């Protein structure tokens, strides 16, 4: 059964989007929503801020330096991690970062992670078994990071006053990459997760490559730009795949106008495209963080079991060979003794 991507609404994506929208607008207490500029303190924003605190404090506790972190230090790191990428992209585009206009992002990702650590919420969350906790984190990350890649990434480029920027598919993907993944490069580059900061060594991501938390930002930005038909460039890979792999049409069918007409033709409406990208990103993170390590451990355990089995078989064979050798020696010794006796009798 093929899925027709013609810009029409998807009931599933609409339901997921409605739930996410409710969590993003619902506050823990009516007083928090008055005055209006406090609306961003939503249930979802608080959950994401606590998730960020769990990452930071989890690394600090594993390294044994959690008690060495000062309050200001512990507040700045989550801010750089969350707002660093969008700040860099805003500067590149000549725009004012959102946290300069309103203090809410600073309060959300500066104060809440600090309070979560001080009040024991972080310890409580980290005490949850790994599988359900990390699964929930993947879901929260998938829906929270999308804003940097889409709203503050591709959408900002599409609304930029400079026409050359608006018409650049490279700018769309690049800004999505920087805005969504820049914080994940800045923090390790300056060793902000550690007790002492400094740019003293080549960042690990330069030597070992970018991890999924960073490179996924550019990939998701590309997918989002394709779904909303942000530029004719993004149609070319789709047209190529559908032309050379016609079997894909059984799962991914697009209107003829999308491939033939220069007219703007979206595959998904922007709101639902963001929900689709959120689910896609959450699935990618779940696979990378949970599925792949489980398979690796299972494979390693299987290899260890096979190695032990081979050692056991080798031990049995060696014992059998030693037994045969001992038996052969005994037979030869008996034969030699018999021949000696025969010579004496003669």
C-alpha atoms as a PDB file:
ATOM      1  CA  UNK A   1       0.000   0.000   0.000  1.00  0.00           C
ATOM      2  CA  UNK A   2       1.568   3.286  -1.083  1.00  0.00           C
ATOM      3  CA  UNK A   3       1.630   6.492   0.932  1.00  0.00           C
ATOM      4  CA  UNK A   4       0.677   9.501  -1.169  1.00  0.00           C
ATOM      5  CA  UNK A   5       2.723  12.579  -0.310  1.00  0.00           C
ATOM      6  CA  UNK A   6       0.597  15.327  -1.810  1.00  0.00           C
ATOM      7  CA  UNK A   7       0.501  17.864   0.986  1.00  0.00           C
ATOM      8  CA  UNK A   8      -2.722  16.552   2.459  1.00  0.00           C
ATOM      9  CA  UNK A   9      -3.068  16.120   6.211  1.00  0.00           C
ATOM     10  CA  UNK A  10      -2.033  12.859   7.841  1.00  0.00           C
ATOM     11  CA  UNK A  11      -4.353  11.796  10.700  1.00  0.00           C
ATOM     12  CA  UNK A  12      -1.488  10.157  12.601  1.00  0.00           C
ATOM     13  CA  UNK A  13       0.839  13.138  12.324  1.00  0.00           C
ATOM     14  CA  UNK A  14      -2.046  15.462  13.204  1.00  0.00           C
ATOM     15  CA  UNK A  15      -2.765  13.523  16.417  1.00  0.00           C
ATOM     16  CA  UNK A  16       0.897  13.425  17.416  1.00  0.00           C
ATOM     17  CA  UNK A  17       1.204  17.132  16.632  1.00  0.00           C
ATOM     18  CA  UNK A  18      -1.874  17.899  18.718  1.00  0.00           C
ATOM     19  CA  UNK A  19      -0.434  16.047  21.716  1.00  0.00           C
ATOM     20  CA  UNK A  20       2.931  17.758  21.346  1.00  0.00           C
ATOM     21  CA  UNK A  21       1.210  21.119  20.977  1.00  0.00           C
ATOM     22  CA  UNK A  22      -0.723  20.548  24.201  1.00  0.00           C
ATOM     23  CA  UNK A  23       2.437  19.639  26.120  1.00  0.00           C
ATOM     24  CA  UNK A  24       4.217  22.673  24.662  1.00  0.00           C
ATOM     25  CA  UNK A  25       1.458  25.053  25.790  1.00  0.00           C
ATOM     26  CA  UNK A  26       0.353  23.457  29.066  1.00  0.00           C
ATOM     27  CA  UNK A  27       1.966  24.969  32.153  1.00  0.00           C
ATOM     28  CA  UNK A  28       2.425  23.164  35.482  1.00  0.00           C
ATOM     29  CA  UNK A  29       0.432  25.869  37.289  1.00  0.00           C
ATOM     30  CA  UNK A  30      -1.933  28.661  36.082  1.00  0.00           C
ATOM     31  CA  UNK A  31       0.204  31.288  37.779  1.00  0.00           C
ATOM     32  CA  UNK A  32       3.129  30.461  35.508  1.00  0.00           C
ATOM     33  CA  UNK A  33       1.201  31.499  32.396  1.00  0.00           C
ATOM     34  CA  UNK A  34       0.570  35.026  33.698  1.00  0.00           C
ATOM     35  CA  UNK A  35       1.883  37.327  32.360  1.00  0.00           C
ATOM     36  CA  UNK A  36       2.000  36.114  28.802  1.00  0.00           C
ATOM     37  CA  UNK A  37       5.782  36.157  28.369  1.00  0.00           C
ATOM     38  CA  UNK A  38       5.996  33.237  30.816  1.00  0.00           C
ATOM     39  CA  UNK A  39       4.175  30.862  28.457  1.00  0.00           C
ATOM     40  CA  UNK A  40       7.385  29.073  27.371  1.00  0.00           C
ATOM     41  CA  UNK A  41       7.577  27.478  30.845  1.00  0.00           C
ATOM     42  CA  UNK A  42       5.521  24.587  29.508  1.00  0.00           C
ATOM     43  CA  UNK A  43       5.528  20.969  30.611  1.00  0.00           C
ATOM     44  CA  UNK A  44       7.568  19.978  27.583  1.00  0.00           C
ATOM     45  CA  UNK A  45      10.132  22.777  28.031  1.00  0.00           C
ATOM     46  CA  UNK A  46      10.604  21.798  31.674  1.00  0.00           C
ATOM     47  CA  UNK A  47      10.970  18.115  30.731  1.00  0.00           C
ATOM     48  CA  UNK A  48      13.602  19.006  28.133  1.00  0.00           C
ATOM     49  CA  UNK A  49      15.511  21.216  30.586  1.00  0.00           C
ATOM     50  CA  UNK A  50      15.565  18.372  33.123  1.00  0.00           C
ATOM     51  CA  UNK A  51      16.747  15.999  30.396  1.00  0.00           C
ATOM     52  CA  UNK A  52      19.629  18.393  29.622  1.00  0.00           C
ATOM     53  CA  UNK A  53      20.500  18.508  33.325  1.00  0.00           C
ATOM     54  CA  UNK A  54      20.598  14.702  33.409  1.00  0.00           C
ATOM     55  CA  UNK A  55      23.110  14.647  30.546  1.00  0.00           C
ATOM     56  CA  UNK A  56      25.371  17.234  32.125  1.00  0.00           C
ATOM     57  CA  UNK A  57      25.179  15.980  35.702  1.00  0.00           C
ATOM     58  CA  UNK A  58      25.368  12.349  34.590  1.00  0.00           C
ATOM     59  CA  UNK A  59      28.710  13.030  32.886  1.00  0.00           C
ATOM     60  CA  UNK A  60      29.946  15.027  35.898  1.00  0.00           C
ATOM     61  CA  UNK A  61      29.005  12.286  38.362  1.00  0.00           C
ATOM     62  CA  UNK A  62      30.573   9.607  36.219  1.00  0.00           C
ATOM     63  CA  UNK A  63      33.773  11.675  36.206  1.00  0.00           C
ATOM     64  CA  UNK A  64      33.601  12.265  39.964  1.00  0.00           C
ATOM     65  CA  UNK A  65      33.607  16.074  39.802  1.00  0.00           C
ATOM     66  CA  UNK A  66      29.925  16.927  40.232  1.00  0.00           C
ATOM     67  CA  UNK A  67      30.591  18.580  43.605  1.00  0.00           C
ATOM     68  CA  UNK A  68      33.254  20.811  42.032  1.00  0.00           C
ATOM     69  CA  UNK A  69      30.800  22.588  39.726  1.00  0.00           C
ATOM     70  CA  UNK A  70      29.849  26.112  40.733  1.00  0.00           C
ATOM     71  CA  UNK A  71      26.273  27.326  40.350  1.00  0.00           C
ATOM     72  CA  UNK A  72      27.072  29.796  37.568  1.00  0.00           C
ATOM     73  CA  UNK A  73      29.177  27.181  35.798  1.00  0.00           C
ATOM     74  CA  UNK A  74      26.366  24.640  36.048  1.00  0.00           C
ATOM     75  CA  UNK A  75      23.914  27.152  34.595  1.00  0.00           C
ATOM     76  CA  UNK A  76      26.075  28.292  31.666  1.00  0.00           C
ATOM     77  CA  UNK A  77      26.857  24.855  30.214  1.00  0.00           C
ATOM     78  CA  UNK A  78      23.222  23.907  29.423  1.00  0.00           C
ATOM     79  CA  UNK A  79      22.742  27.367  27.906  1.00  0.00           C
ATOM     80  CA  UNK A  80      25.693  26.887  25.549  1.00  0.00           C
ATOM     81  CA  UNK A  81      24.543  23.372  24.699  1.00  0.00           C
ATOM     82  CA  UNK A  82      20.999  24.483  23.802  1.00  0.00           C
ATOM     83  CA  UNK A  83      21.409  28.072  22.603  1.00  0.00           C
ATOM     84  CA  UNK A  84      24.976  28.055  21.275  1.00  0.00           C
ATOM     85  CA  UNK A  85      24.179  26.740  17.806  1.00  0.00           C
ATOM     86  CA  UNK A  86      21.246  29.075  17.127  1.00  0.00           C
ATOM     87  CA  UNK A  87      23.306  32.017  18.408  1.00  0.00           C
ATOM     88  CA  UNK A  88      26.129  31.280  15.948  1.00  0.00           C
ATOM     89  CA  UNK A  89      23.696  30.856  13.038  1.00  0.00           C
ATOM     90  CA  UNK A  90      21.921  34.108  13.961  1.00  0.00           C
ATOM     91  CA  UNK A  91      25.221  35.980  13.944  1.00  0.00           C
ATOM     92  CA  UNK A  92      26.104  34.508  10.536  1.00  0.00           C
ATOM     93  CA  UNK A  93      22.749  35.636   9.139  1.00  0.00           C
ATOM     94  CA  UNK A  94      22.900  39.094  10.740  1.00  0.00           C
ATOM     95  CA  UNK A  95      19.932  38.396  13.013  1.00  0.00           C
ATOM     96  CA  UNK A  96      19.313  38.914  16.712  1.00  0.00           C
ATOM     97  CA  UNK A  97      19.243  35.654  18.713  1.00  0.00           C
ATOM     98  CA  UNK A  98      15.915  34.997  20.407  1.00  0.00           C
ATOM     99  CA  UNK A  99      17.377  34.922  23.924  1.00  0.00           C
ATOM    100  CA  UNK A 100      18.497  38.531  23.496  1.00  0.00           C
ATOM    101  CA  UNK A 101      14.872  39.602  23.019  1.00  0.00           C
ATOM    102  CA  UNK A 102      13.328  37.552  25.838  1.00  0.00           C
ATOM    103  CA  UNK A 103      14.922  36.067  28.975  1.00  0.00           C
ATOM    104  CA  UNK A 104      12.713  32.972  28.958  1.00  0.00           C
ATOM    105  CA  UNK A 105      15.166  30.677  27.103  1.00  0.00           C
ATOM    106  CA  UNK A 106      17.920  31.710  29.522  1.00  0.00           C
ATOM    107  CA  UNK A 107      15.691  31.056  32.536  1.00  0.00           C
ATOM    108  CA  UNK A 108      14.466  27.746  31.131  1.00  0.00           C
ATOM    109  CA  UNK A 109      17.848  26.237  30.318  1.00  0.00           C
ATOM    110  CA  UNK A 110      19.898  28.086  32.913  1.00  0.00           C
ATOM    111  CA  UNK A 111      17.813  27.920  36.080  1.00  0.00           C
ATOM    112  CA  UNK A 112      15.761  24.739  35.646  1.00  0.00           C
ATOM    113  CA  UNK A 113      18.769  22.393  35.114  1.00  0.00           C
ATOM    114  CA  UNK A 114      20.428  23.945  38.180  1.00  0.00           C
ATOM    115  CA  UNK A 115      17.295  23.564  40.321  1.00  0.00           C
ATOM    116  CA  UNK A 116      16.747  20.018  39.056  1.00  0.00           C
ATOM    117  CA  UNK A 117      20.231  19.052  40.244  1.00  0.00           C
ATOM    118  CA  UNK A 118      19.965  20.839  43.589  1.00  0.00           C
ATOM    119  CA  UNK A 119      16.535  19.448  44.467  1.00  0.00           C
ATOM    120  CA  UNK A 120      17.368  15.817  43.667  1.00  0.00           C
ATOM    121  CA  UNK A 121      15.183  15.559  40.550  1.00  0.00           C
ATOM    122  CA  UNK A 122      18.208  14.631  38.452  1.00  0.00           C
ATOM    123  CA  UNK A 123      19.136  11.855  40.871  1.00  0.00           C
ATOM    124  CA  UNK A 124      15.569  10.580  40.806  1.00  0.00           C
ATOM    125  CA  UNK A 125      15.442  10.491  36.997  1.00  0.00           C
ATOM    126  CA  UNK A 126      18.868   8.860  36.717  1.00  0.00           C
ATOM    127  CA  UNK A 127      17.713   6.137  39.132  1.00  0.00           C
ATOM    128  CA  UNK A 128      15.106   4.977  36.601  1.00  0.00           C
ATOM    129  CA  UNK A 129      16.181   1.796  34.734  1.00  0.00           C
ATOM    130  CA  UNK A 130      18.282   2.577  31.689  1.00  0.00           C
ATOM    131  CA  UNK A 131      16.024   1.275  28.912  1.00  0.00           C
ATOM    132  CA  UNK A 132      12.804   3.205  29.738  1.00  0.00           C
ATOM    133  CA  UNK A 133      14.788   6.285  30.744  1.00  0.00           C
ATOM    134  CA  UNK A 134      16.870   6.433  27.558  1.00  0.00           C
ATOM    135  CA  UNK A 135      13.823   5.656  25.414  1.00  0.00           C
ATOM    136  CA  UNK A 136      12.026   8.644  26.935  1.00  0.00           C
ATOM    137  CA  UNK A 137      15.128  10.803  26.439  1.00  0.00           C
ATOM    138  CA  UNK A 138      15.224   9.867  22.732  1.00  0.00           C
ATOM    139  CA  UNK A 139      11.604  10.953  22.365  1.00  0.00           C
ATOM    140  CA  UNK A 140      12.187  14.239  24.195  1.00  0.00           C
ATOM    141  CA  UNK A 141      15.335  14.937  22.157  1.00  0.00           C
ATOM    142  CA  UNK A 142      13.559  14.159  18.903  1.00  0.00           C
ATOM    143  CA  UNK A 143      10.807  16.696  19.520  1.00  0.00           C
ATOM    144  CA  UNK A 144      12.913  19.368  21.223  1.00  0.00           C
ATOM    145  CA  UNK A 145      15.821  19.572  18.776  1.00  0.00           C
ATOM    146  CA  UNK A 146      13.566  19.946  15.772  1.00  0.00           C
ATOM    147  CA  UNK A 147      12.995  23.612  16.536  1.00  0.00           C
ATOM    148  CA  UNK A 148      16.669  24.396  15.988  1.00  0.00           C
ATOM    149  CA  UNK A 149      16.791  22.477  12.715  1.00  0.00           C
ATOM    150  CA  UNK A 150      13.503  23.657  11.210  1.00  0.00           C
ATOM    151  CA  UNK A 151      12.064  26.814  12.803  1.00  0.00           C
ATOM    152  CA  UNK A 152      15.457  28.348  13.611  1.00  0.00           C
ATOM    153  CA  UNK A 153      17.142  26.674  10.661  1.00  0.00           C
ATOM    154  CA  UNK A 154      15.384  26.215   7.322  1.00  0.00           C
ATOM    155  CA  UNK A 155      12.479  28.550   8.130  1.00  0.00           C
ATOM    156  CA  UNK A 156      14.806  31.389   9.143  1.00  0.00           C
ATOM    157  CA  UNK A 157      16.661  31.095   5.835  1.00  0.00           C
ATOM    158  CA  UNK A 158      13.392  31.068   3.862  1.00  0.00           C
ATOM    159  CA  UNK A 159      12.289  34.313   5.549  1.00  0.00           C
ATOM    160  CA  UNK A 160      15.670  36.053   5.368  1.00  0.00           C
ATOM    161  CA  UNK A 161      15.579  39.573   3.845  1.00  0.00           C
ATOM    162  CA  UNK A 162      18.496  38.748   1.538  1.00  0.00           C
ATOM    163  CA  UNK A 163      17.208  37.050  -1.633  1.00  0.00           C
ATOM    164  CA  UNK A 164      20.496  35.234  -2.235  1.00  0.00           C
ATOM    165  CA  UNK A 165      20.188  33.607   1.192  1.00  0.00           C
ATOM    166  CA  UNK A 166      16.495  32.756   0.672  1.00  0.00           C
ATOM    167  CA  UNK A 167      17.277  30.969  -2.590  1.00  0.00           C
ATOM    168  CA  UNK A 168      20.275  28.997  -1.332  1.00  0.00           C
ATOM    169  CA  UNK A 169      19.633  25.322  -0.526  1.00  0.00           C
ATOM    170  CA  UNK A 170      23.162  25.185   0.882  1.00  0.00           C
ATOM    171  CA  UNK A 171      22.266  27.927   3.382  1.00  0.00           C
ATOM    172  CA  UNK A 172      19.160  25.996   4.441  1.00  0.00           C
ATOM    173  CA  UNK A 173      21.051  22.819   5.266  1.00  0.00           C
ATOM    174  CA  UNK A 174      24.072  24.637   6.722  1.00  0.00           C
ATOM    175  CA  UNK A 175      22.024  26.837   9.047  1.00  0.00           C
ATOM    176  CA  UNK A 176      19.955  23.842  10.146  1.00  0.00           C
ATOM    177  CA  UNK A 177      23.188  21.979  10.872  1.00  0.00           C
ATOM    178  CA  UNK A 178      24.739  24.842  12.860  1.00  0.00           C
ATOM    179  CA  UNK A 179      21.571  25.811  14.686  1.00  0.00           C
ATOM    180  CA  UNK A 180      20.629  22.247  15.613  1.00  0.00           C
ATOM    181  CA  UNK A 181      24.083  20.775  16.196  1.00  0.00           C
ATOM    182  CA  UNK A 182      26.348  23.731  16.980  1.00  0.00           C
ATOM    183  CA  UNK A 183      25.966  23.409  20.745  1.00  0.00           C
ATOM    184  CA  UNK A 184      27.070  19.791  20.535  1.00  0.00           C
ATOM    185  CA  UNK A 185      30.335  20.983  18.958  1.00  0.00           C
ATOM    186  CA  UNK A 186      30.964  24.030  21.144  1.00  0.00           C
ATOM    187  CA  UNK A 187      30.620  22.277  24.498  1.00  0.00           C
ATOM    188  CA  UNK A 188      33.206  19.517  23.907  1.00  0.00           C
ATOM    189  CA  UNK A 189      35.478  21.897  21.974  1.00  0.00           C
ATOM    190  CA  UNK A 190      35.926  24.046  25.103  1.00  0.00           C
ATOM    191  CA  UNK A 191      35.667  21.096  27.525  1.00  0.00           C
ATOM    192  CA  UNK A 192      32.606  22.639  29.135  1.00  0.00           C
ATOM    193  CA  UNK A 193      31.386  19.289  30.435  1.00  0.00           C
ATOM    194  CA  UNK A 194      34.499  19.081  32.617  1.00  0.00           C
ATOM    195  CA  UNK A 195      35.341  20.918  35.859  1.00  0.00           C
ATOM    196  CA  UNK A 196      37.947  23.135  34.181  1.00  0.00           C
ATOM    197  CA  UNK A 197      37.238  24.787  30.841  1.00  0.00           C
ATOM    198  CA  UNK A 198      39.664  25.567  28.070  1.00  0.00           C
ATOM    199  CA  UNK A 199      40.470  25.096  24.417  1.00  0.00           C
ATOM    200  CA  UNK A 200      43.683  23.160  24.946  1.00  0.00           C
ATOM    201  CA  UNK A 201      43.354  20.160  22.632  1.00  0.00           C
ATOM    202  CA  UNK A 202      41.920  19.328  19.252  1.00  0.00           C
ATOM    203  CA  UNK A 203      38.223  18.537  19.823  1.00  0.00           C
ATOM    204  CA  UNK A 204      37.426  14.833  19.707  1.00  0.00           C
ATOM    205  CA  UNK A 205      34.823  15.362  16.986  1.00  0.00           C
ATOM    206  CA  UNK A 206      37.536  16.746  14.699  1.00  0.00           C
ATOM    207  CA  UNK A 207      39.650  13.610  15.123  1.00  0.00           C
ATOM    208  CA  UNK A 208      36.925  10.984  15.369  1.00  0.00           C
ATOM    209  CA  UNK A 209      34.130  12.546  13.339  1.00  0.00           C
ATOM    210  CA  UNK A 210      30.769  14.005  14.306  1.00  0.00           C
ATOM    211  CA  UNK A 211      28.383  11.920  16.362  1.00  0.00           C
ATOM    212  CA  UNK A 212      24.713  11.496  15.520  1.00  0.00           C
ATOM    213  CA  UNK A 213      23.691  14.299  17.892  1.00  0.00           C
ATOM    214  CA  UNK A 214      25.493  16.737  15.589  1.00  0.00           C
ATOM    215  CA  UNK A 215      25.314  15.415  12.028  1.00  0.00           C
ATOM    216  CA  UNK A 216      21.627  14.512  12.348  1.00  0.00           C
ATOM    217  CA  UNK A 217      20.859  18.250  12.440  1.00  0.00           C
ATOM    218  CA  UNK A 218      21.969  18.718   8.836  1.00  0.00           C
ATOM    219  CA  UNK A 219      20.245  15.524   7.725  1.00  0.00           C
ATOM    220  CA  UNK A 220      16.935  16.453   9.346  1.00  0.00           C
ATOM    221  CA  UNK A 221      17.194  19.957   7.903  1.00  0.00           C
ATOM    222  CA  UNK A 222      17.592  18.405   4.451  1.00  0.00           C
ATOM    223  CA  UNK A 223      14.593  16.111   4.970  1.00  0.00           C
ATOM    224  CA  UNK A 224      12.436  18.989   6.213  1.00  0.00           C
ATOM    225  CA  UNK A 225      13.426  21.205   3.279  1.00  0.00           C
ATOM    226  CA  UNK A 226      12.495  18.356   0.929  1.00  0.00           C
ATOM    227  CA  UNK A 227       9.101  17.782   2.543  1.00  0.00           C
ATOM    228  CA  UNK A 228       8.082  21.450   2.357  1.00  0.00           C
ATOM    229  CA  UNK A 229       9.614  21.863  -1.125  1.00  0.00           C
ATOM    230  CA  UNK A 230      11.851  24.680   0.067  1.00  0.00           C
ATOM    231  CA  UNK A 231      13.852  24.751  -3.189  1.00  0.00           C
ATOM    232  CA  UNK A 232      13.739  22.892  -6.543  1.00  0.00           C
ATOM    233  CA  UNK A 233      17.162  21.439  -5.702  1.00  0.00           C
ATOM    234  CA  UNK A 234      15.608  19.148  -3.100  1.00  0.00           C
ATOM    235  CA  UNK A 235      13.393  17.515  -5.733  1.00  0.00           C
ATOM    236  CA  UNK A 236      16.318  16.116  -7.694  1.00  0.00           C
ATOM    237  CA  UNK A 237      17.269  13.242  -5.348  1.00  0.00           C
ATOM    238  CA  UNK A 238      13.594  12.261  -5.034  1.00  0.00           C
ATOM    239  CA  UNK A 239      13.147  12.255  -8.807  1.00  0.00           C
ATOM    240  CA  UNK A 240      16.351  10.253  -9.265  1.00  0.00           C
ATOM    241  CA  UNK A 241      15.358   7.582  -6.751  1.00  0.00           C
ATOM    242  CA  UNK A 242      11.811   7.219  -8.080  1.00  0.00           C
ATOM    243  CA  UNK A 243      13.119   7.001 -11.649  1.00  0.00           C
ATOM    244  CA  UNK A 244      15.833   4.421 -11.009  1.00  0.00           C
ATOM    245  CA  UNK A 245      14.032   2.543  -8.223  1.00  0.00           C
ATOM    246  CA  UNK A 246      10.388   2.394  -9.330  1.00  0.00           C
ATOM    247  CA  UNK A 247       9.633  -0.096  -6.536  1.00  0.00           C
ATOM    248  CA  UNK A 248       9.792   2.847  -4.138  1.00  0.00           C
ATOM    249  CA  UNK A 249       6.530   4.133  -5.581  1.00  0.00           C
ATOM    250  CA  UNK A 250       4.809   1.333  -3.718  1.00  0.00           C
ATOM    251  CA  UNK A 251       5.747   3.109  -0.478  1.00  0.00           C
ATOM    252  CA  UNK A 252       6.512   6.676  -1.497  1.00  0.00           C
ATOM    253  CA  UNK A 253       4.278   8.206  -4.150  1.00  0.00           C
ATOM    254  CA  UNK A 254       4.397  11.900  -5.039  1.00  0.00           C
ATOM    255  CA  UNK A 255       2.183  14.029  -7.307  1.00  0.00           C
ATOM    256  CA  UNK A 256       3.289  14.292 -10.932  1.00  0.00           C
ATOM    257  CA  UNK A 257       3.432  18.057 -10.544  1.00  0.00           C
ATOM    258  CA  UNK A 258       6.153  17.645  -7.920  1.00  0.00           C
ATOM    259  CA  UNK A 259       8.484  16.054 -10.479  1.00  0.00           C
ATOM    260  CA  UNK A 260       7.494  17.954 -13.615  1.00  0.00           C
ATOM    261  CA  UNK A 261       6.153  21.380 -12.669  1.00  0.00           C
ATOM    262  CA  UNK A 262       8.248  24.242 -11.273  1.00  0.00           C
ATOM    263  CA  UNK A 263       5.244  25.236  -9.171  1.00  0.00           C
ATOM    264  CA  UNK A 264       5.709  25.005  -5.402  1.00  0.00           C
ATOM    265  CA  UNK A 265       4.321  21.616  -4.336  1.00  0.00           C
ATOM    266  CA  UNK A 266       4.701  20.506  -0.721  1.00  0.00           C
ATOM    267  CA  UNK A 267       4.793  16.859   0.267  1.00  0.00           C
ATOM    268  CA  UNK A 268       3.708  17.664   3.828  1.00  0.00           C
ATOM    269  CA  UNK A 269       2.440  20.843   5.394  1.00  0.00           C
ATOM    270  CA  UNK A 270       5.185  22.542   7.441  1.00  0.00           C
ATOM    271  CA  UNK A 271       3.597  21.729  10.809  1.00  0.00           C
ATOM    272  CA  UNK A 272       3.199  18.042  10.031  1.00  0.00           C
ATOM    273  CA  UNK A 273       6.599  17.938   8.338  1.00  0.00           C
ATOM    274  CA  UNK A 274       8.129  19.018  11.658  1.00  0.00           C
ATOM    275  CA  UNK A 275       6.256  16.246  13.482  1.00  0.00           C
ATOM    276  CA  UNK A 276       7.431  13.711  10.893  1.00  0.00           C
ATOM    277  CA  UNK A 277      11.034  14.913  11.308  1.00  0.00           C
ATOM    278  CA  UNK A 278      10.664  14.732  15.106  1.00  0.00           C
ATOM    279  CA  UNK A 279       9.596  11.085  14.910  1.00  0.00           C
ATOM    280  CA  UNK A 280      12.354  10.353  12.407  1.00  0.00           C
ATOM    281  CA  UNK A 281      15.008  11.946  14.635  1.00  0.00           C
ATOM    282  CA  UNK A 282      13.708  10.132  17.722  1.00  0.00           C
ATOM    283  CA  UNK A 283      13.903   6.835  15.815  1.00  0.00           C
ATOM    284  CA  UNK A 284      17.462   7.581  14.688  1.00  0.00           C
ATOM    285  CA  UNK A 285      18.553   8.402  18.237  1.00  0.00           C
ATOM    286  CA  UNK A 286      16.828   5.307  19.636  1.00  0.00           C
ATOM    287  CA  UNK A 287      18.595   3.120  17.087  1.00  0.00           C
ATOM    288  CA  UNK A 288      21.974   4.712  17.753  1.00  0.00           C
ATOM    289  CA  UNK A 289      21.793   4.827  21.548  1.00  0.00           C
ATOM    290  CA  UNK A 290      19.859   1.663  22.367  1.00  0.00           C
ATOM    291  CA  UNK A 291      19.465  -0.784  19.475  1.00  0.00           C
ATOM    292  CA  UNK A 292      23.040  -0.701  18.167  1.00  0.00           C
ATOM    293  CA  UNK A 293      24.676  -1.064  21.629  1.00  0.00           C
ATOM    294  CA  UNK A 294      22.317  -3.946  22.465  1.00  0.00           C
ATOM    295  CA  UNK A 295      23.217  -5.701  19.222  1.00  0.00           C
ATOM    296  CA  UNK A 296      26.918  -5.040  19.827  1.00  0.00           C
ATOM    297  CA  UNK A 297      26.740  -6.488  23.333  1.00  0.00           C
ATOM    298  CA  UNK A 298      24.752  -9.458  22.070  1.00  0.00           C
ATOM    299  CA  UNK A 299      27.292 -10.038  19.303  1.00  0.00           C
ATOM    300  CA  UNK A 300      30.181  -9.675  21.759  1.00  0.00           C
ATOM    301  CA  UNK A 301      28.513 -12.122  24.162  1.00  0.00           C
ATOM    302  CA  UNK A 302      27.956 -14.557  21.294  1.00  0.00           C
ATOM    303  CA  UNK A 303      31.577 -14.232  20.206  1.00  0.00           C
ATOM    304  CA  UNK A 304      32.760 -14.799  23.783  1.00  0.00           C
ATOM    305  CA  UNK A 305      30.536 -17.869  24.076  1.00  0.00           C
ATOM    306  CA  UNK A 306      31.838 -19.208  20.767  1.00  0.00           C
ATOM    307  CA  UNK A 307      35.407 -18.583  21.891  1.00  0.00           C
ATOM    308  CA  UNK A 308      34.788 -20.409  25.164  1.00  0.00           C
ATOM    309  CA  UNK A 309      33.204 -23.261  23.255  1.00  0.00           C
ATOM    310  CA  UNK A 310      36.198 -23.467  20.926  1.00  0.00           C
ATOM    311  CA  UNK A 311      38.526 -23.449  23.928  1.00  0.00           C
ATOM    312  CA  UNK A 312      36.500 -26.236  25.561  1.00  0.00           C
ATOM    313  CA  UNK A 313      36.557 -28.306  22.356  1.00  0.00           C
ATOM    314  CA  UNK A 314      40.280 -27.679  21.987  1.00  0.00           C
ATOM    315  CA  UNK A 315      40.790 -28.733  25.605  1.00  0.00           C
ATOM    316  CA  UNK A 316      38.850 -31.951  25.045  1.00  0.00           C
ATOM    317  CA  UNK A 317      40.833 -32.715  21.893  1.00  0.00           C
ATOM    318  CA  UNK A 318      44.091 -31.999  23.698  1.00  0.00           C
ATOM    319  CA  UNK A 319      43.059 -34.286  26.574  1.00  0.00           C
ATOM    320  CA  UNK A 320      42.125 -37.007  24.077  1.00  0.00           C
ATOM    321  CA  UNK A 321      45.437 -36.621  22.299  1.00  0.00           C
ATOM    322  CA  UNK A 322      47.288 -36.804  25.605  1.00  0.00           C
ATOM    323  CA  UNK A 323      45.301 -39.915  26.549  1.00  0.00           C
ATOM    324  CA  UNK A 324      46.095 -41.531  23.189  1.00  0.00           C
ATOM    325  CA  UNK A 325      49.744 -40.582  23.553  1.00  0.00           C
ATOM    326  CA  UNK A 326      49.829 -42.010  27.096  1.00  0.00           C
ATOM    327  CA  UNK A 327      48.120 -45.188  25.941  1.00  0.00           C
ATOM    328  CA  UNK A 328      50.551 -45.534  23.039  1.00  0.00           C
ATOM    329  CA  UNK A 329      53.476 -45.023  25.392  1.00  0.00           C
ATOM    330  CA  UNK A 330      52.094 -47.647  27.747  1.00  0.00           C
ATOM    331  CA  UNK A 331      51.638 -50.136  24.888  1.00  0.00           C
ATOM    332  CA  UNK A 332      55.149 -49.521  23.640  1.00  0.00           C
ATOM    333  CA  UNK A 333      56.495 -49.919  27.156  1.00  0.00           C
ATOM    334  CA  UNK A 334      54.622 -53.207  27.610  1.00  0.00           C
ATOM    335  CA  UNK A 335      55.855 -54.487  24.250  1.00  0.00           C
ATOM    336  CA  UNK A 336      59.420 -53.571  25.129  1.00  0.00           C
ATOM    337  CA  UNK A 337      59.164 -55.331  28.490  1.00  0.00           C
ATOM    338  CA  UNK A 338      57.776 -58.432  26.772  1.00  0.00           C
ATOM    339  CA  UNK A 339      60.598 -58.591  24.255  1.00  0.00           C
ATOM    340  CA  UNK A 340      63.159 -58.249  27.043  1.00  0.00           C
ATOM    341  CA  UNK A 341      61.576 -61.153  28.897  1.00  0.00           C
ATOM    342  CA  UNK A 342      61.572 -63.254  25.726  1.00  0.00           C
ATOM    343  CA  UNK A 343      65.308 -62.647  25.211  1.00  0.00           C
ATOM    344  CA  UNK A 344      66.016 -63.630  28.828  1.00  0.00           C
ATOM    345  CA  UNK A 345      64.025 -66.848  28.481  1.00  0.00           C
ATOM    346  CA  UNK A 346      65.985 -67.749  25.387  1.00  0.00           C
END
